[in-house]
Amino acid sequence: HLNAFVHNGDVKVLAVCDVDTTRRLNAKK
């Protein structure tokens, strides 16, 4: 879903949250 949202011009992803450091940093990247 994150990949779909960042490619959608009507949406701006400002923040991500996850307790798993690897997942959190990967999503941020």
PDB file of all heavy atoms in Angstrom:
ATOM      1  N   HIS A   1       0.834  -1.206   0.000  1.00  0.00           N
ATOM      2  CA  HIS A   1       0.000   0.000   0.000  1.00  0.00           C
ATOM      3  C   HIS A   1       0.869   1.256   0.000  1.00  0.00           C
ATOM      4  O   HIS A   1       0.557   2.237  -0.677  1.00  0.00           O
ATOM      5  CB  HIS A   1      -0.930   0.014   1.203  1.00  0.00           C
ATOM      6  CG  HIS A   1      -1.991  -1.030   1.167  1.00  0.00           C
ATOM      7  ND1 HIS A   1      -2.744  -1.305   0.047  1.00  0.00           N
ATOM      8  CD2 HIS A   1      -2.445  -1.880   2.127  1.00  0.00           C
ATOM      9  CE1 HIS A   1      -3.607  -2.263   0.314  1.00  0.00           C
ATOM     10  NE2 HIS A   1      -3.436  -2.645   1.570  1.00  0.00           N
ATOM     11  N   LEU A   2       1.934   1.235   0.777  1.00  0.00           N
ATOM     12  CA  LEU A   2       2.842   2.385   0.843  1.00  0.00           C
ATOM     13  C   LEU A   2       3.394   2.715  -0.536  1.00  0.00           C
ATOM     14  O   LEU A   2       3.408   3.881  -0.953  1.00  0.00           O
ATOM     15  CB  LEU A   2       3.987   2.102   1.821  1.00  0.00           C
ATOM     16  CG  LEU A   2       5.098   3.152   1.894  1.00  0.00           C
ATOM     17  CD1 LEU A   2       4.566   4.468   2.437  1.00  0.00           C
ATOM     18  CD2 LEU A   2       6.247   2.649   2.750  1.00  0.00           C
ATOM     19  N   ASN A   3       3.818   1.702  -1.272  1.00  0.00           N
ATOM     20  CA  ASN A   3       4.331   1.922  -2.628  1.00  0.00           C
ATOM     21  C   ASN A   3       3.271   2.548  -3.523  1.00  0.00           C
ATOM     22  O   ASN A   3       3.569   3.434  -4.325  1.00  0.00           O
ATOM     23  CB  ASN A   3       4.838   0.615  -3.233  1.00  0.00           C
ATOM     24  CG  ASN A   3       6.233   0.290  -2.796  1.00  0.00           C
ATOM     25  OD1 ASN A   3       7.141   1.084  -2.945  1.00  0.00           O
ATOM     26  ND2 ASN A   3       6.416  -0.885  -2.218  1.00  0.00           N
ATOM     27  N   ALA A   4       2.037   2.097  -3.388  1.00  0.00           N
ATOM     28  CA  ALA A   4       0.952   2.666  -4.199  1.00  0.00           C
ATOM     29  C   ALA A   4       0.697   4.118  -3.820  1.00  0.00           C
ATOM     30  O   ALA A   4       0.503   4.977  -4.697  1.00  0.00           O
ATOM     31  CB  ALA A   4      -0.321   1.839  -4.024  1.00  0.00           C
ATOM     32  N   PHE A   5       0.702   4.424  -2.536  1.00  0.00           N
ATOM     33  CA  PHE A   5       0.417   5.786  -2.093  1.00  0.00           C
ATOM     34  C   PHE A   5       1.507   6.784  -2.490  1.00  0.00           C
ATOM     35  O   PHE A   5       1.203   7.905  -2.872  1.00  0.00           O
ATOM     36  CB  PHE A   5       0.190   5.835  -0.581  1.00  0.00           C
ATOM     37  CG  PHE A   5      -1.182   5.394  -0.164  1.00  0.00           C
ATOM     38  CD1 PHE A   5      -1.343   4.385   0.764  1.00  0.00           C
ATOM     39  CD2 PHE A   5      -2.315   5.987  -0.696  1.00  0.00           C
ATOM     40  CE1 PHE A   5      -2.609   3.973   1.157  1.00  0.00           C
ATOM     41  CE2 PHE A   5      -3.588   5.588  -0.314  1.00  0.00           C
ATOM     42  CZ  PHE A   5      -3.733   4.580   0.613  1.00  0.00           C
ATOM     43  N   VAL A   6       2.774   6.395  -2.403  1.00  0.00           N
ATOM     44  CA  VAL A   6       3.827   7.356  -2.757  1.00  0.00           C
ATOM     45  C   VAL A   6       3.814   7.680  -4.246  1.00  0.00           C
ATOM     46  O   VAL A   6       4.236   8.758  -4.644  1.00  0.00           O
ATOM     47  CB  VAL A   6       5.249   6.915  -2.323  1.00  0.00           C
ATOM     48  CG1 VAL A   6       5.371   6.844  -0.831  1.00  0.00           C
ATOM     49  CG2 VAL A   6       5.690   5.650  -2.980  1.00  0.00           C
ATOM     50  N   HIS A   7       3.305   6.765  -5.060  1.00  0.00           N
ATOM     51  CA  HIS A   7       3.229   7.012  -6.499  1.00  0.00           C
ATOM     52  C   HIS A   7       1.947   7.739  -6.905  1.00  0.00           C
ATOM     53  O   HIS A   7       1.748   8.019  -8.077  1.00  0.00           O
ATOM     54  CB  HIS A   7       3.351   5.697  -7.266  1.00  0.00           C
ATOM     55  CG  HIS A   7       4.725   5.112  -7.184  1.00  0.00           C
ATOM     56  ND1 HIS A   7       5.106   4.275  -6.158  1.00  0.00           N
ATOM     57  CD2 HIS A   7       5.807   5.256  -7.971  1.00  0.00           C
ATOM     58  CE1 HIS A   7       6.374   3.921  -6.334  1.00  0.00           C
ATOM     59  NE2 HIS A   7       6.825   4.506  -7.422  1.00  0.00           N
ATOM     60  N   ASN A   8       1.084   8.027  -5.955  1.00  0.00           N
ATOM     61  CA  ASN A   8      -0.186   8.708  -6.218  1.00  0.00           C
ATOM     62  C   ASN A   8      -0.001  10.208  -5.970  1.00  0.00           C
ATOM     63  O   ASN A   8       0.302  10.623  -4.853  1.00  0.00           O
ATOM     64  CB  ASN A   8      -1.268   8.131  -5.296  1.00  0.00           C
ATOM     65  CG  ASN A   8      -2.632   8.705  -5.558  1.00  0.00           C
ATOM     66  OD1 ASN A   8      -2.777   9.842  -5.986  1.00  0.00           O
ATOM     67  ND2 ASN A   8      -3.647   7.918  -5.288  1.00  0.00           N
ATOM     68  N   GLY A   9      -0.204  11.019  -6.984  1.00  0.00           N
ATOM     69  CA  GLY A   9      -0.007  12.464  -6.872  1.00  0.00           C
ATOM     70  C   GLY A   9      -0.975  13.164  -5.939  1.00  0.00           C
ATOM     71  O   GLY A   9      -0.748  14.300  -5.540  1.00  0.00           O
ATOM     72  N   ASP A  10      -2.072  12.491  -5.568  1.00  0.00           N
ATOM     73  CA  ASP A  10      -3.052  13.089  -4.665  1.00  0.00           C
ATOM     74  C   ASP A  10      -2.708  12.860  -3.196  1.00  0.00           C
ATOM     75  O   ASP A  10      -3.419  13.331  -2.314  1.00  0.00           O
ATOM     76  CB  ASP A  10      -4.448  12.513  -4.928  1.00  0.00           C
ATOM     77  CG  ASP A  10      -4.977  12.900  -6.298  1.00  0.00           C
ATOM     78  OD1 ASP A  10      -4.563  13.953  -6.820  1.00  0.00           O
ATOM     79  OD2 ASP A  10      -5.793  12.148  -6.857  1.00  0.00           O
ATOM     80  N   VAL A  11      -1.638  12.114  -2.941  1.00  0.00           N
ATOM     81  CA  VAL A  11      -1.260  11.750  -1.574  1.00  0.00           C
ATOM     82  C   VAL A  11       0.186  12.157  -1.323  1.00  0.00           C
ATOM     83  O   VAL A  11       1.034  12.051  -2.208  1.00  0.00           O
ATOM     84  CB  VAL A  11      -1.405  10.222  -1.358  1.00  0.00           C
ATOM     85  CG1 VAL A  11      -0.954   9.821   0.033  1.00  0.00           C
ATOM     86  CG2 VAL A  11      -2.827   9.776  -1.617  1.00  0.00           C
ATOM     87  N   LYS A  12       0.466  12.601  -0.102  1.00  0.00           N
ATOM     88  CA  LYS A  12       1.845  12.885   0.308  1.00  0.00           C
ATOM     89  C   LYS A  12       2.090  12.137   1.619  1.00  0.00           C
ATOM     90  O   LYS A  12       1.454  12.423   2.627  1.00  0.00           O
ATOM     91  CB  LYS A  12       2.010  14.387   0.515  1.00  0.00           C
ATOM     92  CG  LYS A  12       3.407  14.821   0.808  1.00  0.00           C
ATOM     93  CD  LYS A  12       4.284  14.700  -0.415  1.00  0.00           C
ATOM     94  CE  LYS A  12       5.366  15.733  -0.390  1.00  0.00           C
ATOM     95  NZ  LYS A  12       5.818  16.104  -1.677  1.00  0.00           N
ATOM     96  N   VAL A  13       2.980  11.156   1.606  1.00  0.00           N
ATOM     97  CA  VAL A  13       3.306  10.395   2.803  1.00  0.00           C
ATOM     98  C   VAL A  13       4.323  11.202   3.602  1.00  0.00           C
ATOM     99  O   VAL A  13       5.409  11.498   3.113  1.00  0.00           O
ATOM    100  CB  VAL A  13       3.864   8.996   2.460  1.00  0.00           C
ATOM    101  CG1 VAL A  13       4.230   8.241   3.732  1.00  0.00           C
ATOM    102  CG2 VAL A  13       2.858   8.203   1.630  1.00  0.00           C
ATOM    103  N   LEU A  14       3.950  11.561   4.834  1.00  0.00           N
ATOM    104  CA  LEU A  14       4.819  12.395   5.665  1.00  0.00           C
ATOM    105  C   LEU A  14       5.565  11.610   6.733  1.00  0.00           C
ATOM    106  O   LEU A  14       6.608  12.048   7.200  1.00  0.00           O
ATOM    107  CB  LEU A  14       4.005  13.497   6.350  1.00  0.00           C
ATOM    108  CG  LEU A  14       3.273  14.481   5.457  1.00  0.00           C
ATOM    109  CD1 LEU A  14       2.573  15.530   6.313  1.00  0.00           C
ATOM    110  CD2 LEU A  14       4.227  15.153   4.486  1.00  0.00           C
ATOM    111  N   ALA A  15       5.010  10.453   7.146  1.00  0.00           N
ATOM    112  CA  ALA A  15       5.631   9.732   8.250  1.00  0.00           C
ATOM    113  C   ALA A  15       5.279   8.249   8.187  1.00  0.00           C
ATOM    114  O   ALA A  15       4.231   7.867   7.668  1.00  0.00           O
ATOM    115  CB  ALA A  15       5.167  10.315   9.583  1.00  0.00           C
ATOM    116  N   VAL A  16       6.169   7.445   8.739  1.00  0.00           N
ATOM    117  CA  VAL A  16       5.943   6.011   8.879  1.00  0.00           C
ATOM    118  C   VAL A  16       6.218   5.627  10.332  1.00  0.00           C
ATOM    119  O   VAL A  16       6.950   6.324  11.039  1.00  0.00           O
ATOM    120  CB  VAL A  16       6.834   5.179   7.925  1.00  0.00           C
ATOM    121  CG1 VAL A  16       6.488   5.445   6.476  1.00  0.00           C
ATOM    122  CG2 VAL A  16       8.313   5.444   8.180  1.00  0.00           C
ATOM    123  N   CYS A  17       5.633   4.511  10.752  1.00  0.00           N
ATOM    124  CA  CYS A  17       5.809   4.061  12.132  1.00  0.00           C
ATOM    125  C   CYS A  17       5.818   2.539  12.157  1.00  0.00           C
ATOM    126  O   CYS A  17       4.944   1.897  11.568  1.00  0.00           O
ATOM    127  CB  CYS A  17       4.658   4.607  12.981  1.00  0.00           C
ATOM    128  SG  CYS A  17       4.676   4.017  14.683  1.00  0.00           S
ATOM    129  N   ASP A  18       6.792   1.977  12.837  1.00  0.00           N
ATOM    130  CA  ASP A  18       6.831   0.534  13.058  1.00  0.00           C
ATOM    131  C   ASP A  18       7.791   0.272  14.214  1.00  0.00           C
ATOM    132  O   ASP A  18       8.806   0.966  14.350  1.00  0.00           O
ATOM    133  CB  ASP A  18       7.300  -0.209  11.804  1.00  0.00           C
ATOM    134  CG  ASP A  18       6.868  -1.664  11.805  1.00  0.00           C
ATOM    135  OD1 ASP A  18       7.303  -2.424  12.697  1.00  0.00           O
ATOM    136  OD2 ASP A  18       6.070  -2.036  10.926  1.00  0.00           O
ATOM    137  N   VAL A  19       7.480  -0.721  15.027  1.00  0.00           N
ATOM    138  CA  VAL A  19       8.371  -1.053  16.136  1.00  0.00           C
ATOM    139  C   VAL A  19       9.609  -1.799  15.646  1.00  0.00           C
ATOM    140  O   VAL A  19      10.636  -1.794  16.322  1.00  0.00           O
ATOM    141  CB  VAL A  19       7.641  -1.870  17.231  1.00  0.00           C
ATOM    142  CG1 VAL A  19       6.562  -1.029  17.883  1.00  0.00           C
ATOM    143  CG2 VAL A  19       7.057  -3.153  16.672  1.00  0.00           C
ATOM    144  N   ASP A  20       9.517  -2.414  14.487  1.00  0.00           N
ATOM    145  CA  ASP A  20      10.654  -3.134  13.902  1.00  0.00           C
ATOM    146  C   ASP A  20      11.542  -2.136  13.167  1.00  0.00           C
ATOM    147  O   ASP A  20      11.117  -1.502  12.200  1.00  0.00           O
ATOM    148  CB  ASP A  20      10.139  -4.210  12.942  1.00  0.00           C
ATOM    149  CG  ASP A  20      11.267  -5.040  12.354  1.00  0.00           C
ATOM    150  OD1 ASP A  20      11.993  -4.505  11.481  1.00  0.00           O
ATOM    151  OD2 ASP A  20      11.411  -6.211  12.753  1.00  0.00           O
ATOM    152  N   THR A  21      12.765  -2.003  13.616  1.00  0.00           N
ATOM    153  CA  THR A  21      13.682  -1.004  13.065  1.00  0.00           C
ATOM    154  C   THR A  21      13.928  -1.205  11.576  1.00  0.00           C
ATOM    155  O   THR A  21      13.928  -0.244  10.805  1.00  0.00           O
ATOM    156  CB  THR A  21      15.036  -1.031  13.819  1.00  0.00           C
ATOM    157  OG1 THR A  21      14.781  -0.810  15.197  1.00  0.00           O
ATOM    158  CG2 THR A  21      15.977   0.039  13.301  1.00  0.00           C
ATOM    159  N   THR A  22      14.128  -2.442  11.151  1.00  0.00           N
ATOM    160  CA  THR A  22      14.403  -2.713   9.740  1.00  0.00           C
ATOM    161  C   THR A  22      13.235  -2.287   8.866  1.00  0.00           C
ATOM    162  O   THR A  22      13.416  -1.612   7.851  1.00  0.00           O
ATOM    163  CB  THR A  22      14.706  -4.213   9.533  1.00  0.00           C
ATOM    164  OG1 THR A  22      15.810  -4.566  10.368  1.00  0.00           O
ATOM    165  CG2 THR A  22      15.053  -4.504   8.091  1.00  0.00           C
ATOM    166  N   ARG A  23      12.030  -2.670   9.257  1.00  0.00           N
ATOM    167  CA  ARG A  23      10.844  -2.293   8.478  1.00  0.00           C
ATOM    168  C   ARG A  23      10.644  -0.775   8.466  1.00  0.00           C
ATOM    169  O   ARG A  23      10.302  -0.189   7.450  1.00  0.00           O
ATOM    170  CB  ARG A  23       9.591  -2.965   9.036  1.00  0.00           C
ATOM    171  CG  ARG A  23       9.530  -4.439   8.745  1.00  0.00           C
ATOM    172  CD  ARG A  23       8.267  -5.040   9.294  1.00  0.00           C
ATOM    173  NE  ARG A  23       8.148  -6.435   8.881  1.00  0.00           N
ATOM    174  CZ  ARG A  23       7.136  -7.201   9.189  1.00  0.00           C
ATOM    175  NH1 ARG A  23       6.134  -6.733   9.909  1.00  0.00           N
ATOM    176  NH2 ARG A  23       7.103  -8.446   8.771  1.00  0.00           N
ATOM    177  N   ARG A  24      10.815  -0.161   9.626  1.00  0.00           N
ATOM    178  CA  ARG A  24      10.636   1.288   9.744  1.00  0.00           C
ATOM    179  C   ARG A  24      11.610   2.034   8.829  1.00  0.00           C
ATOM    180  O   ARG A  24      11.210   2.916   8.068  1.00  0.00           O
ATOM    181  CB  ARG A  24      10.817   1.713  11.207  1.00  0.00           C
ATOM    182  CG  ARG A  24      10.601   3.186  11.455  1.00  0.00           C
ATOM    183  CD  ARG A  24      10.721   3.546  12.943  1.00  0.00           C
ATOM    184  NE  ARG A  24      12.023   3.246  13.514  1.00  0.00           N
ATOM    185  CZ  ARG A  24      12.273   2.264  14.384  1.00  0.00           C
ATOM    186  NH1 ARG A  24      11.307   1.466  14.797  1.00  0.00           N
ATOM    187  NH2 ARG A  24      13.489   2.071  14.838  1.00  0.00           N
ATOM    188  N   LEU A  25      12.871   1.688   8.890  1.00  0.00           N
ATOM    189  CA  LEU A  25      13.876   2.388   8.091  1.00  0.00           C
ATOM    190  C   LEU A  25      13.726   2.089   6.602  1.00  0.00           C
ATOM    191  O   LEU A  25      13.974   2.957   5.760  1.00  0.00           O
ATOM    192  CB  LEU A  25      15.277   2.043   8.588  1.00  0.00           C
ATOM    193  CG  LEU A  25      15.591   2.523  10.014  1.00  0.00           C
ATOM    194  CD1 LEU A  25      16.996   2.099  10.422  1.00  0.00           C
ATOM    195  CD2 LEU A  25      15.399   4.017  10.161  1.00  0.00           C
ATOM    196  N   ASN A  26      13.305   0.870   6.266  1.00  0.00           N
ATOM    197  CA  ASN A  26      13.068   0.521   4.873  1.00  0.00           C
ATOM    198  C   ASN A  26      11.906   1.346   4.306  1.00  0.00           C
ATOM    199  O   ASN A  26      11.981   1.854   3.193  1.00  0.00           O
ATOM    200  CB  ASN A  26      12.784  -0.975   4.739  1.00  0.00           C
ATOM    201  CG  ASN A  26      12.672  -1.406   3.291  1.00  0.00           C
ATOM    202  OD1 ASN A  26      13.376  -0.905   2.424  1.00  0.00           O
ATOM    203  ND2 ASN A  26      11.764  -2.327   3.023  1.00  0.00           N
ATOM    204  N   ALA A  27      10.837   1.482   5.070  1.00  0.00           N
ATOM    205  CA  ALA A  27       9.684   2.283   4.622  1.00  0.00           C
ATOM    206  C   ALA A  27      10.081   3.744   4.461  1.00  0.00           C
ATOM    207  O   ALA A  27       9.706   4.406   3.481  1.00  0.00           O
ATOM    208  CB  ALA A  27       8.538   2.145   5.622  1.00  0.00           C
ATOM    209  N   LYS A  28      10.849   4.260   5.391  1.00  0.00           N
ATOM    210  CA  LYS A  28      11.334   5.647   5.312  1.00  0.00           C
ATOM    211  C   LYS A  28      12.152   5.844   4.033  1.00  0.00           C
ATOM    212  O   LYS A  28      11.987   6.827   3.323  1.00  0.00           O
ATOM    213  CB  LYS A  28      12.173   5.966   6.551  1.00  0.00           C
ATOM    214  CG  LYS A  28      12.801   7.345   6.567  1.00  0.00           C
ATOM    215  CD  LYS A  28      13.604   7.531   7.849  1.00  0.00           C
ATOM    216  CE  LYS A  28      14.478   8.753   7.849  1.00  0.00           C
ATOM    217  NZ  LYS A  28      13.779  10.005   7.919  1.00  0.00           N
ATOM    218  N   LYS A  29      12.989   4.870   3.719  1.00  0.00           N
ATOM    219  CA  LYS A  29      13.819   4.943   2.513  1.00  0.00           C
ATOM    220  C   LYS A  29      12.961   4.926   1.248  1.00  0.00           C
ATOM    221  O   LYS A  29      13.221   5.677   0.302  1.00  0.00           O
ATOM    222  CB  LYS A  29      14.835   3.803   2.498  1.00  0.00           C
ATOM    223  CG  LYS A  29      15.791   3.843   1.312  1.00  0.00           C
ATOM    224  CD  LYS A  29      16.819   2.747   1.413  1.00  0.00           C
ATOM    225  CE  LYS A  29      17.799   2.665   0.278  1.00  0.00           C
ATOM    226  NZ  LYS A  29      17.640   3.470  -0.864  1.00  0.00           N
TER     227      LYS A  29
END
